[in-house]
Amino acid sequence: MEKMFGGPIVPTLFRLALLSFIVGLIFAVFGIDPVNLWREFGTTIQQAWKLVFEAIEWGAGYAILGAIVVLPVWVIYRVLTSVTRTKN
């Protein structure tokens, strides 16, 4: 039985109960109703997936903007350090 639970049963059940309480508390803070979450499970997954891609799209724009400055500076740095190493 311990193999199935990944360790001693009682501490594992305690950790699961504590984690369930914390997640329930977080849901309550954000006004998430577990019944609606379960009822609208497919929609919830779609909305979460949409949020992930929106976050990636938002972050990619800033990453590209930063790369316009960072990559040329990095290339210049690498060239200069390479040149100074070959002279020594």
N, C-alpha and C. Protein backbone atom coordinates (compact mmCIF):
# COMPACT_ATOMS: atom_id res chain seq x y z
N MET A 1 0.82 -1.19 0.00
CA MET A 1 0.00 0.00 0.00
C MET A 1 0.87 1.26 0.00
N GLU A 2 2.02 1.22 0.71
CA GLU A 2 2.90 2.39 0.75
C GLU A 2 3.46 2.71 -0.63
N LYS A 3 3.67 1.68 -1.43
CA LYS A 3 4.19 1.90 -2.77
C LYS A 3 3.20 2.70 -3.61
N MET A 4 1.91 2.39 -3.45
CA MET A 4 0.88 3.10 -4.20
C MET A 4 0.77 4.56 -3.76
N PHE A 5 0.94 4.82 -2.45
CA PHE A 5 0.83 6.17 -1.92
C PHE A 5 2.12 6.96 -2.05
N GLY A 6 3.22 6.32 -2.39
CA GLY A 6 4.49 7.00 -2.53
C GLY A 6 5.17 7.26 -1.20
N GLY A 7 4.83 6.50 -0.18
CA GLY A 7 5.42 6.65 1.14
C GLY A 7 4.45 6.19 2.19
N PRO A 8 4.73 6.54 3.44
CA PRO A 8 3.82 6.16 4.52
C PRO A 8 2.42 6.73 4.29
N ILE A 9 1.42 5.94 4.59
CA ILE A 9 0.03 6.29 4.24
C ILE A 9 -0.48 7.50 5.02
N VAL A 10 -0.32 7.50 6.34
CA VAL A 10 -0.90 8.57 7.16
C VAL A 10 -0.30 9.94 6.82
N PRO A 11 1.04 10.07 6.75
CA PRO A 11 1.58 11.39 6.37
C PRO A 11 1.17 11.82 4.96
N THR A 12 1.07 10.86 4.04
CA THR A 12 0.65 11.20 2.68
C THR A 12 -0.79 11.70 2.68
N LEU A 13 -1.67 11.05 3.41
CA LEU A 13 -3.06 11.50 3.50
C LEU A 13 -3.15 12.88 4.15
N PHE A 14 -2.30 13.11 5.16
CA PHE A 14 -2.28 14.43 5.81
C PHE A 14 -1.84 15.51 4.83
N ARG A 15 -0.79 15.24 4.06
CA ARG A 15 -0.32 16.22 3.07
C ARG A 15 -1.39 16.49 2.01
N LEU A 16 -2.06 15.42 1.56
CA LEU A 16 -3.13 15.60 0.58
C LEU A 16 -4.28 16.43 1.15
N ALA A 17 -4.64 16.19 2.40
CA ALA A 17 -5.71 16.97 3.04
C ALA A 17 -5.30 18.43 3.18
N LEU A 18 -4.05 18.68 3.59
CA LEU A 18 -3.55 20.04 3.74
C LEU A 18 -3.52 20.75 2.39
N LEU A 19 -3.03 20.06 1.37
CA LEU A 19 -2.98 20.65 0.03
C LEU A 19 -4.39 20.94 -0.49
N SER A 20 -5.33 20.03 -0.24
CA SER A 20 -6.72 20.24 -0.65
C SER A 20 -7.30 21.46 0.03
N PHE A 21 -7.01 21.63 1.31
CA PHE A 21 -7.49 22.80 2.05
C PHE A 21 -6.92 24.09 1.46
N ILE A 22 -5.63 24.10 1.16
CA ILE A 22 -4.98 25.30 0.62
C ILE A 22 -5.57 25.64 -0.75
N VAL A 23 -5.75 24.64 -1.60
CA VAL A 23 -6.32 24.89 -2.93
C VAL A 23 -7.75 25.40 -2.80
N GLY A 24 -8.52 24.80 -1.89
CA GLY A 24 -9.89 25.26 -1.65
C GLY A 24 -9.92 26.69 -1.16
N LEU A 25 -8.98 27.05 -0.30
CA LEU A 25 -8.89 28.42 0.21
C LEU A 25 -8.56 29.40 -0.92
N ILE A 26 -7.64 29.02 -1.78
CA ILE A 26 -7.28 29.86 -2.92
C ILE A 26 -8.48 30.03 -3.85
N PHE A 27 -9.21 28.94 -4.10
CA PHE A 27 -10.42 29.03 -4.93
C PHE A 27 -11.42 29.99 -4.31
N ALA A 28 -11.59 29.91 -2.99
CA ALA A 28 -12.55 30.78 -2.31
C ALA A 28 -12.13 32.25 -2.43
N VAL A 29 -10.83 32.52 -2.33
CA VAL A 29 -10.34 33.90 -2.44
C VAL A 29 -10.65 34.46 -3.82
N PHE A 30 -10.49 33.64 -4.86
CA PHE A 30 -10.73 34.10 -6.22
C PHE A 30 -12.19 33.92 -6.66
N GLY A 31 -13.04 33.44 -5.76
CA GLY A 31 -14.46 33.30 -6.08
C GLY A 31 -14.77 32.17 -7.03
N ILE A 32 -13.96 31.13 -7.02
CA ILE A 32 -14.18 29.99 -7.90
C ILE A 32 -15.04 28.97 -7.16
N ASP A 33 -16.14 28.61 -7.78
CA ASP A 33 -17.05 27.63 -7.20
C ASP A 33 -16.68 26.24 -7.73
N PRO A 34 -16.33 25.30 -6.85
CA PRO A 34 -15.91 23.97 -7.32
C PRO A 34 -16.98 23.25 -8.14
N VAL A 35 -18.25 23.46 -7.82
CA VAL A 35 -19.32 22.79 -8.57
C VAL A 35 -19.35 23.31 -10.01
N ASN A 36 -19.27 24.63 -10.17
CA ASN A 36 -19.23 25.20 -11.52
C ASN A 36 -17.95 24.81 -12.25
N LEU A 37 -16.86 24.73 -11.52
CA LEU A 37 -15.59 24.31 -12.12
C LEU A 37 -15.73 22.91 -12.69
N TRP A 38 -16.35 22.02 -11.95
CA TRP A 38 -16.54 20.64 -12.41
C TRP A 38 -17.56 20.58 -13.56
N ARG A 39 -18.63 21.35 -13.42
CA ARG A 39 -19.68 21.35 -14.43
C ARG A 39 -19.16 21.92 -15.75
N GLU A 40 -18.34 22.93 -15.67
CA GLU A 40 -17.80 23.61 -16.86
C GLU A 40 -16.35 23.20 -17.12
N PHE A 41 -16.02 21.95 -16.85
CA PHE A 41 -14.63 21.49 -16.93
C PHE A 41 -14.02 21.72 -18.31
N GLY A 42 -14.76 21.34 -19.37
CA GLY A 42 -14.24 21.52 -20.73
C GLY A 42 -13.99 22.98 -21.05
N THR A 43 -14.92 23.84 -20.68
CA THR A 43 -14.77 25.27 -20.91
C THR A 43 -13.61 25.83 -20.10
N THR A 44 -13.46 25.34 -18.88
CA THR A 44 -12.37 25.79 -18.02
C THR A 44 -11.02 25.44 -18.64
N ILE A 45 -10.89 24.23 -19.16
CA ILE A 45 -9.64 23.83 -19.80
C ILE A 45 -9.37 24.69 -21.03
N GLN A 46 -10.40 24.97 -21.82
CA GLN A 46 -10.22 25.81 -23.00
C GLN A 46 -9.79 27.22 -22.61
N GLN A 47 -10.39 27.77 -21.57
CA GLN A 47 -10.03 29.11 -21.11
C GLN A 47 -8.60 29.13 -20.58
N ALA A 48 -8.22 28.09 -19.85
CA ALA A 48 -6.85 28.02 -19.33
C ALA A 48 -5.86 27.93 -20.49
N TRP A 49 -6.17 27.12 -21.48
CA TRP A 49 -5.29 26.96 -22.64
C TRP A 49 -5.16 28.30 -23.37
N LYS A 50 -6.27 29.01 -23.51
CA LYS A 50 -6.27 30.32 -24.17
C LYS A 50 -5.39 31.30 -23.38
N LEU A 51 -5.52 31.29 -22.06
CA LEU A 51 -4.69 32.17 -21.23
C LEU A 51 -3.21 31.87 -21.38
N VAL A 52 -2.87 30.59 -21.47
CA VAL A 52 -1.46 30.20 -21.64
C VAL A 52 -0.92 30.77 -22.93
N PHE A 53 -1.66 30.61 -24.02
CA PHE A 53 -1.16 31.11 -25.30
C PHE A 53 -1.15 32.64 -25.34
N GLU A 54 -2.09 33.29 -24.69
CA GLU A 54 -2.05 34.74 -24.61
C GLU A 54 -0.83 35.22 -23.84
N ALA A 55 -0.49 34.51 -22.78
CA ALA A 55 0.70 34.87 -21.99
C ALA A 55 1.97 34.66 -22.81
N ILE A 56 2.02 33.58 -23.58
CA ILE A 56 3.18 33.33 -24.43
C ILE A 56 3.30 34.41 -25.49
N GLU A 57 2.18 34.76 -26.11
CA GLU A 57 2.18 35.81 -27.13
C GLU A 57 2.63 37.14 -26.54
N TRP A 58 2.13 37.47 -25.35
CA TRP A 58 2.51 38.71 -24.68
C TRP A 58 4.00 38.71 -24.37
N GLY A 59 4.51 37.61 -23.83
CA GLY A 59 5.91 37.53 -23.45
C GLY A 59 6.85 37.50 -24.65
N ALA A 60 6.40 36.86 -25.73
CA ALA A 60 7.25 36.76 -26.92
C ALA A 60 7.55 38.14 -27.50
N GLY A 61 6.59 39.02 -27.48
CA GLY A 61 6.82 40.38 -27.99
C GLY A 61 7.91 41.09 -27.22
N TYR A 62 7.87 40.98 -25.89
CA TYR A 62 8.90 41.61 -25.07
C TYR A 62 10.25 40.92 -25.23
N ALA A 63 10.25 39.60 -25.40
CA ALA A 63 11.51 38.87 -25.60
C ALA A 63 12.16 39.29 -26.91
N ILE A 64 11.38 39.44 -27.95
CA ILE A 64 11.93 39.88 -29.24
C ILE A 64 12.44 41.30 -29.14
N LEU A 65 11.71 42.15 -28.47
CA LEU A 65 12.14 43.54 -28.29
C LEU A 65 13.46 43.60 -27.53
N GLY A 66 13.58 42.81 -26.49
CA GLY A 66 14.83 42.78 -25.72
C GLY A 66 15.97 42.17 -26.52
N ALA A 67 15.67 41.15 -27.33
CA ALA A 67 16.71 40.49 -28.13
C ALA A 67 17.31 41.43 -29.16
N ILE A 68 16.56 42.43 -29.59
CA ILE A 68 17.07 43.40 -30.56
C ILE A 68 18.29 44.13 -29.97
N VAL A 69 18.30 44.31 -28.66
CA VAL A 69 19.42 44.98 -28.00
C VAL A 69 20.42 43.96 -27.46
N VAL A 70 19.93 42.93 -26.81
CA VAL A 70 20.81 42.00 -26.10
C VAL A 70 21.70 41.20 -27.04
N LEU A 71 21.14 40.65 -28.11
CA LEU A 71 21.94 39.79 -28.99
C LEU A 71 23.09 40.52 -29.67
N PRO A 72 22.91 41.71 -30.23
CA PRO A 72 24.07 42.41 -30.80
C PRO A 72 25.14 42.74 -29.75
N VAL A 73 24.71 43.12 -28.56
CA VAL A 73 25.68 43.41 -27.50
C VAL A 73 26.43 42.15 -27.14
N TRP A 74 25.74 41.02 -27.05
CA TRP A 74 26.38 39.75 -26.72
C TRP A 74 27.38 39.35 -27.80
N VAL A 75 27.00 39.52 -29.08
CA VAL A 75 27.91 39.17 -30.19
C VAL A 75 29.16 40.05 -30.13
N ILE A 76 28.99 41.34 -29.92
CA ILE A 76 30.15 42.25 -29.82
C ILE A 76 31.04 41.83 -28.65
N TYR A 77 30.45 41.52 -27.53
CA TYR A 77 31.21 41.08 -26.36
C TYR A 77 32.00 39.81 -26.67
N ARG A 78 31.35 38.84 -27.31
CA ARG A 78 32.03 37.58 -27.63
C ARG A 78 33.17 37.81 -28.61
N VAL A 79 32.97 38.66 -29.59
CA VAL A 79 34.03 38.95 -30.56
C VAL A 79 35.20 39.63 -29.87
N LEU A 80 34.91 40.62 -29.03
CA LEU A 80 35.99 41.33 -28.33
C LEU A 80 36.76 40.43 -27.38
N THR A 81 36.07 39.57 -26.65
CA THR A 81 36.77 38.66 -25.74
C THR A 81 37.57 37.63 -26.52
N SER A 82 37.08 37.23 -27.68
CA SER A 82 37.81 36.28 -28.52
C SER A 82 39.09 36.92 -29.06
N VAL A 83 38.99 38.17 -29.49
CA VAL A 83 40.15 38.88 -30.02
C VAL A 83 41.20 39.10 -28.93
N THR A 84 40.77 39.48 -27.73
CA THR A 84 41.72 39.73 -26.65
C THR A 84 42.38 38.43 -26.19
N ARG A 85 41.73 37.32 -26.26
CA ARG A 85 42.33 36.02 -25.87
C ARG A 85 43.38 35.59 -26.86
N THR A 86 43.16 35.83 -28.17
CA THR A 86 44.11 35.41 -29.17
C THR A 86 45.36 36.28 -29.12
N LYS A 87 45.26 37.53 -28.68
CA LYS A 87 46.43 38.41 -28.58
C LYS A 87 47.32 37.99 -27.42
N ASN A 88 46.75 37.43 -26.37
CA ASN A 88 47.55 37.04 -25.19
C ASN A 88 48.11 35.70 -25.44
